[in-house]
Amino acid sequence: MTTRQIILEEMTPGHLEGAVELSRQVKWPHRREDWELVQSVSRGIVALEEERVVATIMITPYGDDAAAINMVIVDAAMRGRGLGRKMMEEALAKAGERTCYLVATQEGLPLYEKLGFVATGKIVQHQGVAPSVDALDHVSWSESADHGRLVALDRAAYGYDRSALMQLLRERAKFAVVRDEGDVQAFGAIRPFGRGLVIGPAVARNGTEAKALIDFLLAHHQGRFVRIDTDGSTNLAEWLTGRGLAHVGGGITMRRSMATHKESKPAHHRTYALVSQALG
């Protein structure tokens, strides 16, 4: 087989069934609906062999400054032929001068390092059946008028404009909030994903606030299968394990910047649970 038989195309909805099959091959839990969410805010590339999807990659722009590179899969039969590198190079070309972020597996680390990415931390994945916990009184469900504030808090914590993603989540997720003198100061979202539900994003001023949000969402979904992805630096791992959500894996966070990295100001809020490993 030669590289002439592999064609790279822009991903369309018509490629999603093939993408879902690839994700099943690597034992990801993603449903078609989960792929559709990412695709709706991203530019995707597929590699085709005789119309069959054999590789995928997504570029999710966050404004003009940043992008998440995600959903990187190469069919097992196609590995070792340079296809993964070619897909990454195409994605980085489309990202342009944006600072790019991704979550890598240990196996993918050498390729990403060759392409200029540097490791910045780790993501830990927890999942299990939502336990019976108490929902604290100072957490409540959000109201439609809160959306603009949620977008602003997400940007303050993440550092980039994710308003398009937040609009999609508004339609697909339920949001819990913490109010301080009437103003929303923290929030957490829960939505269908994979085998059950996923909690994220969760943005808060401190770990205590984040735990209260997570407990509220767990309490209202007792007995359901729930997943949470969090940055290792949040120190939530031991607490999540204590809630019955086992540590089942994760990945390495990486960044590739085309510009000199500027020191950021300390943020009053931070992200305690990701939308997903793909989207940050």
Protein backbone atom coordinates (compact mmCIF):
# COMPACT_ATOMS: atom_id res chain seq x y z
CA MET A 1 0.00 0.00 0.00
CA THR A 2 1.33 3.45 -0.90
CA THR A 3 0.58 6.88 0.49
CA ARG A 4 -1.11 7.72 -2.83
CA GLN A 5 -4.03 5.55 -1.70
CA ILE A 6 -4.60 7.69 1.41
CA ILE A 7 -6.60 10.88 0.81
CA LEU A 8 -6.97 13.69 3.35
CA GLU A 9 -10.28 15.56 3.35
CA GLU A 10 -12.18 18.07 5.46
CA MET A 11 -14.37 16.17 7.91
CA THR A 12 -18.11 16.34 7.22
CA PRO A 13 -21.11 14.81 9.04
CA GLY A 14 -20.91 11.99 6.50
CA HIS A 15 -17.63 10.87 8.05
CA LEU A 16 -18.96 10.59 11.59
CA GLU A 17 -19.98 6.93 11.48
CA GLY A 18 -16.45 6.04 10.42
CA ALA A 19 -15.05 8.25 13.18
CA VAL A 20 -17.22 6.52 15.78
CA GLU A 21 -15.94 3.14 14.57
CA LEU A 22 -12.36 4.34 14.98
CA SER A 23 -13.03 5.53 18.52
CA ARG A 24 -14.56 2.15 19.37
CA GLN A 25 -11.43 0.49 18.06
CA VAL A 26 -9.31 2.38 20.61
CA LYS A 27 -11.95 1.76 23.33
CA TRP A 28 -13.10 5.36 23.69
CA PRO A 29 -16.69 5.68 25.00
CA HIS A 30 -17.69 8.44 22.53
CA ARG A 31 -21.13 8.22 20.95
CA ARG A 32 -22.01 9.86 17.65
CA GLU A 33 -23.53 12.72 19.68
CA ASP A 34 -20.18 13.28 21.43
CA TRP A 35 -18.38 13.47 18.10
CA GLU A 36 -21.05 15.86 16.79
CA LEU A 37 -20.50 18.23 19.69
CA VAL A 38 -16.76 18.46 19.02
CA GLN A 39 -17.24 18.73 15.26
CA SER A 40 -19.74 21.56 15.61
CA VAL A 41 -17.08 23.85 17.14
CA SER A 42 -14.07 22.46 15.25
CA ARG A 43 -12.43 21.95 11.89
CA GLY A 44 -11.86 18.27 11.29
CA ILE A 45 -9.62 16.31 8.95
CA VAL A 46 -10.09 12.67 7.97
CA ALA A 47 -7.79 10.29 6.15
CA LEU A 48 -9.63 8.00 3.74
CA GLU A 49 -8.62 4.72 2.18
CA GLU A 50 -11.16 3.81 -0.50
CA GLU A 51 -13.81 5.92 1.29
CA ARG A 52 -13.09 4.25 4.66
CA VAL A 53 -12.10 6.59 7.51
CA VAL A 54 -8.66 5.46 8.73
CA ALA A 55 -7.59 8.53 10.73
CA THR A 56 -9.15 11.61 12.31
CA ILE A 57 -8.04 14.87 13.90
CA MET A 58 -9.89 17.99 15.06
CA ILE A 59 -8.78 21.60 15.51
CA THR A 60 -11.00 23.51 17.93
CA PRO A 61 -10.25 27.27 17.79
CA TYR A 62 -10.73 29.43 20.87
CA GLY A 63 -10.73 32.90 19.38
CA ASP A 64 -7.70 33.92 17.32
CA ASP A 65 -5.15 33.05 19.99
CA ALA A 66 -5.55 29.38 20.87
CA ALA A 67 -6.76 26.01 19.63
CA ALA A 68 -7.22 22.54 21.06
CA ILE A 69 -5.95 19.65 18.92
CA ASN A 70 -8.06 16.59 19.65
CA MET A 71 -9.78 13.40 18.51
CA VAL A 72 -6.45 12.17 17.11
CA ILE A 73 -6.93 8.54 16.05
CA VAL A 74 -5.12 6.39 13.49
CA ASP A 75 -6.49 2.98 12.52
CA ALA A 76 -4.35 0.23 14.06
CA ALA A 77 -3.57 -1.21 10.62
CA MET A 78 -2.23 2.16 9.42
CA ARG A 79 0.19 2.91 12.25
CA GLY A 80 3.93 3.12 11.70
CA ARG A 81 3.54 4.72 8.25
CA GLY A 82 3.80 8.37 9.21
CA LEU A 83 0.07 9.02 8.90
CA GLY A 84 -0.22 10.35 12.46
CA ARG A 85 2.52 12.88 11.82
CA LYS A 86 0.94 13.95 8.52
CA MET A 87 -2.43 14.49 10.23
CA MET A 88 -0.78 16.56 12.98
CA GLU A 89 1.09 18.68 10.43
CA GLU A 90 -2.14 19.38 8.56
CA ALA A 91 -3.89 20.33 11.79
CA LEU A 92 -1.08 22.64 12.92
CA ALA A 93 -1.08 24.33 9.52
CA LYS A 94 -4.80 25.07 9.92
CA ALA A 95 -4.23 26.33 13.48
CA GLY A 96 -1.77 28.91 12.11
CA GLU A 97 -0.16 31.13 14.73
CA ARG A 98 -2.46 30.00 17.52
CA THR A 99 -1.04 28.48 20.68
CA CYS A 100 -2.07 24.82 20.50
CA TYR A 101 -3.02 22.54 23.37
CA LEU A 102 -3.60 18.79 23.53
CA VAL A 103 -3.77 15.87 25.93
CA ALA A 104 -1.30 13.15 24.97
CA THR A 105 -0.97 9.47 25.71
CA GLN A 106 2.45 8.16 26.69
CA GLU A 107 2.69 6.55 23.24
CA GLY A 108 1.98 9.83 21.45
CA LEU A 109 4.43 11.88 23.49
CA PRO A 110 7.52 11.42 21.25
CA LEU A 111 5.70 12.61 18.11
CA TYR A 112 4.23 15.66 19.81
CA GLU A 113 7.60 16.61 21.26
CA LYS A 114 9.14 16.42 17.77
CA LEU A 115 6.44 18.81 16.58
CA GLY A 116 7.33 21.40 19.23
CA PHE A 117 4.90 20.53 22.04
CA VAL A 118 6.10 20.61 25.64
CA ALA A 119 4.52 18.80 28.58
CA THR A 120 2.82 21.10 31.09
CA GLY A 121 1.02 18.76 33.50
CA LYS A 122 -1.34 15.82 33.66
CA ILE A 123 -5.06 15.08 33.47
CA VAL A 124 -6.63 12.47 35.73
CA GLN A 125 -9.85 10.71 34.77
CA HIS A 126 -12.28 9.50 37.45
CA GLN A 127 -15.50 7.62 36.92
CA GLY A 128 -18.06 5.49 38.69
CA VAL A 129 -21.62 5.41 39.96
CA ALA A 130 -22.75 8.68 41.55
CA PRO A 131 -23.04 8.07 45.31
CA SER A 132 -25.61 9.33 47.77
CA VAL A 133 -24.20 12.64 49.04
CA ASP A 134 -25.70 15.77 50.53
CA ALA A 135 -26.38 18.72 48.23
CA LEU A 136 -25.31 21.90 50.03
CA ASP A 137 -27.88 24.67 50.34
CA HIS A 138 -25.69 27.39 48.81
CA VAL A 139 -25.57 25.59 45.43
CA SER A 140 -28.55 25.86 43.09
CA TRP A 141 -29.51 25.32 39.46
CA SER A 142 -28.64 28.17 37.14
CA GLU A 143 -31.17 30.40 35.39
CA SER A 144 -31.17 31.33 31.70
CA ALA A 145 -30.14 34.89 32.55
CA ASP A 146 -26.89 33.54 34.06
CA HIS A 147 -25.41 32.42 30.74
CA GLY A 148 -23.37 35.55 30.00
CA ARG A 149 -21.83 35.35 33.46
CA LEU A 150 -20.95 31.67 32.96
CA VAL A 151 -19.18 32.51 29.69
CA ALA A 152 -17.22 35.27 31.43
CA LEU A 153 -16.17 33.00 34.29
CA ASP A 154 -15.11 30.26 31.86
CA ARG A 155 -12.96 32.75 29.98
CA ALA A 156 -11.43 34.07 33.20
CA ALA A 157 -10.50 30.54 34.28
CA TYR A 158 -9.47 29.05 30.91
CA GLY A 159 -7.81 32.18 29.54
CA TYR A 160 -9.41 32.12 26.07
CA ASP A 161 -12.76 32.82 24.41
CA ARG A 162 -14.88 29.66 24.43
CA SER A 163 -18.25 31.37 23.92
CA ALA A 164 -19.19 29.14 20.96
CA LEU A 165 -18.54 26.02 23.02
CA MET A 166 -20.40 27.44 26.01
CA GLN A 167 -23.42 28.18 23.79
CA LEU A 168 -23.52 24.53 22.71
CA LEU A 169 -23.26 23.41 26.33
CA ARG A 170 -26.14 25.72 27.20
CA GLU A 171 -28.29 23.55 24.93
CA ARG A 172 -26.92 20.18 26.10
CA ALA A 173 -25.98 20.53 29.78
CA LYS A 174 -27.51 21.44 33.13
CA PHE A 175 -25.59 24.05 35.14
CA ALA A 176 -25.29 24.40 38.91
CA VAL A 177 -24.08 27.69 40.39
CA VAL A 178 -22.81 29.26 43.58
CA ARG A 179 -24.04 32.80 44.16
CA ASP A 180 -22.37 35.42 46.31
CA GLU A 181 -24.59 38.42 47.11
CA GLY A 182 -26.73 37.55 44.11
CA ASP A 183 -23.87 37.22 41.60
CA VAL A 184 -22.76 33.86 40.17
CA GLN A 185 -19.21 33.19 41.36
CA ALA A 186 -18.79 29.51 40.43
CA PHE A 187 -20.50 26.93 38.23
CA GLY A 188 -20.47 23.31 37.22
CA ALA A 189 -22.14 21.52 34.30
CA ILE A 190 -23.36 17.96 33.74
CA ARG A 191 -24.43 16.42 30.44
CA PRO A 192 -24.81 13.05 28.68
CA PHE A 193 -21.53 11.59 27.47
CA GLY A 194 -20.25 8.13 26.63
CA ARG A 195 -21.51 5.48 29.06
CA GLY A 196 -23.52 7.95 31.14
CA LEU A 197 -22.82 11.52 32.24
CA VAL A 198 -19.81 13.81 32.48
CA ILE A 199 -19.31 16.66 34.94
CA GLY A 200 -17.51 19.62 33.43
CA PRO A 201 -16.64 22.33 33.01
CA ALA A 202 -16.52 23.27 36.67
CA VAL A 203 -15.12 26.72 37.45
CA ALA A 204 -14.65 27.90 41.02
CA ARG A 205 -12.60 30.18 43.26
CA ASN A 206 -11.25 27.34 45.39
CA GLY A 207 -11.39 23.60 45.96
CA THR A 208 -14.10 23.81 48.60
CA GLU A 209 -16.41 25.57 46.15
CA ALA A 210 -15.58 23.06 43.41
CA LYS A 211 -16.36 20.11 45.70
CA ALA A 212 -19.71 21.68 46.67
CA LEU A 213 -20.65 22.00 42.99
CA ILE A 214 -19.61 18.43 42.21
CA ASP A 215 -21.50 17.07 45.22
CA PHE A 216 -24.63 18.96 44.15
CA LEU A 217 -24.46 17.40 40.69
CA LEU A 218 -23.74 13.92 42.08
CA ALA A 219 -26.62 14.23 44.58
CA HIS A 220 -29.06 15.00 41.77
CA HIS A 221 -27.86 12.07 39.65
CA GLN A 222 -27.43 9.37 42.28
CA GLY A 223 -26.97 5.90 40.78
CA ARG A 224 -25.96 7.19 37.33
CA PHE A 225 -22.57 6.47 35.77
CA VAL A 226 -20.50 9.67 35.97
CA ARG A 227 -17.10 10.71 34.64
CA ILE A 228 -14.92 13.67 35.65
CA ASP A 229 -11.64 14.77 34.05
CA THR A 230 -9.56 17.15 36.13
CA ASP A 231 -6.07 18.64 36.07
CA GLY A 232 -3.79 16.84 38.51
CA SER A 233 -2.82 20.15 40.09
CA THR A 234 -6.36 20.67 41.44
CA ASN A 235 -5.65 17.95 44.04
CA LEU A 236 -9.19 16.60 43.70
CA ALA A 237 -8.08 13.04 42.92
CA GLU A 238 -8.09 11.64 46.46
CA TRP A 239 -11.43 13.31 47.23
CA LEU A 240 -13.02 11.97 44.02
CA THR A 241 -11.77 8.47 44.84
CA GLY A 242 -13.36 8.84 48.26
CA ARG A 243 -16.64 9.64 46.50
CA GLY A 244 -16.44 6.28 44.74
CA LEU A 245 -15.19 7.69 41.42
CA ALA A 246 -12.15 5.55 40.67
CA HIS A 247 -9.01 6.86 38.96
CA VAL A 248 -9.03 5.05 35.62
CA GLY A 249 -6.46 6.89 33.54
CA GLY A 250 -5.74 10.29 32.09
CA GLY A 251 -3.12 11.94 29.91
CA ILE A 252 -0.33 14.47 29.63
CA THR A 253 -1.21 18.11 28.92
CA MET A 254 0.99 19.72 26.26
CA ARG A 255 1.34 23.16 24.69
CA ARG A 256 2.92 24.42 21.48
CA SER A 257 3.33 28.17 21.19
CA MET A 258 4.49 30.11 18.14
CA ALA A 259 5.03 33.25 20.23
CA THR A 260 6.96 34.00 23.38
CA HIS A 261 4.85 32.85 26.31
CA LYS A 262 3.80 35.78 28.44
CA GLU A 263 3.50 35.46 32.18
CA SER A 264 -0.21 35.46 33.00
CA LYS A 265 -1.72 37.31 35.92
CA PRO A 266 -3.01 35.21 38.82
CA ALA A 267 -6.62 34.26 38.13
CA HIS A 268 -9.34 34.47 40.77
CA HIS A 269 -11.05 31.44 39.21
CA ARG A 270 -9.73 28.17 37.84
CA THR A 271 -11.11 25.17 35.98
CA TYR A 272 -11.58 22.21 38.31
CA ALA A 273 -13.27 19.85 35.82
CA LEU A 274 -12.80 19.82 32.04
CA VAL A 275 -15.51 19.87 29.40
CA SER A 276 -13.63 16.80 28.15
CA GLN A 277 -10.04 15.80 27.56
CA ALA A 278 -10.57 16.82 23.94
CA LEU A 279 -11.90 20.32 24.61
CA GLY A 280 -10.17 21.25 27.87
